[in-house]
């Protein structure tokens, strides 16, 4: 019982496979990812990426789905890109945001004197609005990790979360 999964390549996107390394180029940019995994074959043929295996092991079957999802995310990323919108929420102390290079400085969070720092991963663009932060990029993983870094930087401990709801939270994924 061989399992095959196909991912269609839309027009305007170029996909090449070189020894297990998948390279996807499109109007927004280029992504490269090592897709090698034992007992799983990857091919680019007839306008689609084909992930196949002859194994029936649960772990390998699950990995075919993972590699298919990676290919889909890469193709969508170079064609359309990813965008996360985050909302800045505060009740007493207005939070100030400042971008300095590859880090986001969050000052006056809960009235704290020390600024909190969130790392911005390379290849991701952060735009700061009045009470909104927009994160854009072509790599879904990097965009999501940057949003998680910002959310994590404003985590509140040792206080009642029902009362202190201040922070920066993901509101929309586009």
Protein backbone atom coordinates (compact mmCIF):
# COMPACT_ATOMS: atom_id res chain seq x y z
CA UNK A 1 0.00 0.00 0.00
CA UNK A 2 1.89 3.04 -1.26
CA UNK A 3 0.76 6.47 -0.13
CA UNK A 4 1.18 9.49 -2.43
CA UNK A 5 0.27 13.09 -1.71
CA UNK A 6 0.32 15.85 -4.32
CA UNK A 7 0.68 19.60 -3.93
CA UNK A 8 -0.27 21.64 -6.98
CA UNK A 9 2.16 24.33 -8.13
CA UNK A 10 0.28 27.50 -9.17
CA UNK A 11 1.40 29.61 -12.17
CA UNK A 12 4.14 32.10 -11.33
CA UNK A 13 5.77 29.79 -8.76
CA UNK A 14 8.91 27.83 -9.61
CA UNK A 15 9.75 24.66 -7.61
CA UNK A 16 13.02 22.74 -7.91
CA UNK A 17 14.31 19.71 -6.04
CA UNK A 18 18.05 19.12 -5.66
CA UNK A 19 19.03 16.07 -3.61
CA UNK A 20 16.19 16.37 -1.11
CA UNK A 21 16.43 20.17 -0.78
CA UNK A 22 13.23 21.88 -1.99
CA UNK A 23 13.59 25.40 -3.42
CA UNK A 24 10.42 27.42 -4.03
CA UNK A 25 10.61 30.78 -5.86
CA UNK A 26 7.74 33.16 -6.47
CA UNK A 27 6.81 36.83 -6.79
CA UNK A 28 7.43 37.50 -3.06
CA UNK A 29 10.80 35.72 -2.74
CA UNK A 30 12.56 32.36 -2.40
CA UNK A 31 12.36 29.69 0.32
CA UNK A 32 14.70 26.72 0.74
CA UNK A 33 14.07 23.70 3.00
CA UNK A 34 15.73 20.32 3.48
CA UNK A 35 12.95 17.77 2.96
CA UNK A 36 15.00 14.55 3.24
CA UNK A 37 13.49 11.76 5.33
CA UNK A 38 14.21 8.01 5.24
CA UNK A 39 11.77 5.90 3.16
CA UNK A 40 9.99 8.98 1.75
CA UNK A 41 10.42 9.99 -1.89
CA UNK A 42 9.95 13.58 -3.05
CA UNK A 43 9.52 14.47 -6.74
CA UNK A 44 8.55 17.51 -8.79
CA UNK A 45 6.66 16.38 -11.90
CA UNK A 46 3.78 17.58 -14.04
CA UNK A 47 3.21 20.87 -12.23
CA UNK A 48 3.01 19.35 -8.76
CA UNK A 49 5.16 18.25 -5.83
CA UNK A 50 4.65 14.53 -5.09
CA UNK A 51 5.41 13.07 -1.65
CA UNK A 52 5.25 9.26 -1.62
CA UNK A 53 6.21 6.26 0.51
CA UNK A 54 5.88 2.49 0.28
CA UNK A 55 6.05 2.05 4.05
CA UNK A 56 3.02 1.42 6.27
CA UNK A 57 4.64 2.59 9.50
CA UNK A 58 2.59 5.18 11.35
CA UNK A 59 5.56 7.52 11.88
CA UNK A 60 6.47 7.56 8.19
CA UNK A 61 2.85 8.01 7.07
CA UNK A 62 2.57 10.96 9.45
CA UNK A 63 5.78 12.44 8.06
CA UNK A 64 4.44 12.34 4.49
CA UNK A 65 1.61 14.62 5.65
CA UNK A 66 4.12 16.90 7.38
CA UNK A 67 6.28 17.22 4.26
CA UNK A 68 3.16 17.88 2.16
CA UNK A 69 2.14 20.66 4.57
CA UNK A 70 5.65 22.19 4.43
CA UNK A 71 5.51 22.24 0.62
CA UNK A 72 2.02 23.84 0.65
CA UNK A 73 3.13 26.50 3.17
CA UNK A 74 6.25 27.32 1.15
CA UNK A 75 4.25 27.66 -2.10
CA UNK A 76 1.60 29.85 -0.44
CA UNK A 77 4.30 31.95 1.25
CA UNK A 78 6.14 32.89 -1.94
CA UNK A 79 2.85 33.48 -3.81
CA UNK A 80 0.82 35.45 -1.21
CA UNK A 81 2.89 35.76 1.98
CA UNK A 82 1.71 35.54 5.58
CA UNK A 83 0.41 38.27 7.85
CA UNK A 84 -0.37 38.16 11.57
CA UNK A 85 -2.22 41.01 13.27
CA UNK A 86 -1.75 41.55 16.99
CA UNK A 87 -3.66 43.83 19.37
CA UNK A 88 -2.02 45.82 22.17
CA UNK A 89 -4.25 45.60 25.26
CA UNK A 90 -3.75 47.67 28.43
CA UNK A 91 -5.95 49.14 31.15
CA UNK A 92 -3.85 51.45 33.37
CA UNK A 93 -0.36 51.90 31.92
CA UNK A 94 -0.14 52.70 28.20
CA UNK A 95 2.29 50.29 26.54
CA UNK A 96 4.90 51.87 24.26
CA UNK A 97 6.50 49.88 21.43
CA UNK A 98 9.79 50.67 19.73
CA UNK A 99 11.53 48.63 17.05
CA UNK A 100 15.32 48.59 17.28
CA UNK A 101 16.93 46.42 14.63
CA UNK A 102 15.94 42.79 15.17
CA UNK A 103 14.13 43.37 18.48
CA UNK A 104 10.90 44.93 19.69
CA UNK A 105 11.17 46.95 22.91
CA UNK A 106 8.01 46.96 25.04
CA UNK A 107 8.21 49.77 27.61
CA UNK A 108 5.88 50.80 30.45
CA UNK A 109 4.26 47.35 30.50
CA UNK A 110 2.27 47.23 33.78
CA UNK A 111 4.27 50.31 34.83
CA UNK A 112 7.55 48.38 34.89
CA UNK A 113 10.76 50.43 34.67
CA UNK A 114 12.71 47.80 32.68
CA UNK A 115 11.64 47.33 29.05
CA UNK A 116 10.68 43.84 27.90
CA UNK A 117 12.37 42.61 24.73
CA UNK A 118 10.90 40.40 21.97
CA UNK A 119 13.16 38.97 19.25
CA UNK A 120 12.19 39.64 15.63
CA UNK A 121 13.40 36.78 13.41
CA UNK A 122 15.31 37.69 10.24
CA UNK A 123 13.13 37.83 7.12
CA UNK A 124 10.08 39.15 8.99
CA UNK A 125 8.72 42.72 8.83
CA UNK A 126 7.03 44.29 11.87
CA UNK A 127 4.83 47.39 11.54
CA UNK A 128 3.70 49.18 14.69
CA UNK A 129 0.38 51.07 14.65
CA UNK A 130 -1.46 52.85 17.47
CA UNK A 131 -2.72 49.77 19.27
CA UNK A 132 -1.89 47.19 16.61
CA UNK A 133 1.22 45.29 15.50
CA UNK A 134 1.34 43.74 12.00
CA UNK A 135 3.85 40.99 11.25
CA UNK A 136 4.46 39.98 7.62
CA UNK A 137 6.79 37.59 5.81
CA UNK A 138 6.98 34.70 3.36
CA UNK A 139 8.04 31.97 5.84
CA UNK A 140 5.07 30.85 7.94
CA UNK A 141 7.34 29.45 10.66
CA UNK A 142 9.33 32.67 11.10
CA UNK A 143 6.21 34.88 11.11
CA UNK A 144 4.50 32.63 13.68
CA UNK A 145 7.59 32.42 15.89
CA UNK A 146 8.01 36.21 15.88
CA UNK A 147 4.35 36.63 16.91
CA UNK A 148 4.89 34.05 19.65
CA UNK A 149 8.01 35.89 20.87
CA UNK A 150 6.03 39.14 21.18
CA UNK A 151 3.13 37.40 22.94
CA UNK A 152 5.52 35.61 25.29
CA UNK A 153 7.39 38.82 26.17
CA UNK A 154 4.19 40.28 27.65
CA UNK A 155 3.27 37.20 29.68
CA UNK A 156 2.07 38.02 33.20
CA UNK A 157 3.07 35.82 36.14
CA UNK A 158 2.26 36.03 39.87
CA UNK A 159 -0.91 38.04 39.19
CA UNK A 160 -4.53 37.08 38.61
CA UNK A 161 -5.01 36.66 34.81
CA UNK A 162 -8.72 37.56 35.15
CA UNK A 163 -7.79 41.00 36.49
CA UNK A 164 -4.53 41.73 34.65
CA UNK A 165 -5.35 41.14 30.99
CA UNK A 166 -2.70 43.49 29.63
CA UNK A 167 -0.47 42.23 26.82
CA UNK A 168 -0.05 41.91 23.08
CA UNK A 169 -2.22 39.16 21.61
CA UNK A 170 -2.65 37.58 18.14
CA UNK A 171 -6.07 38.56 16.81
CA UNK A 172 -5.89 37.57 13.14
CA UNK A 173 -3.86 35.34 10.82
CA UNK A 174 -4.09 36.19 7.12
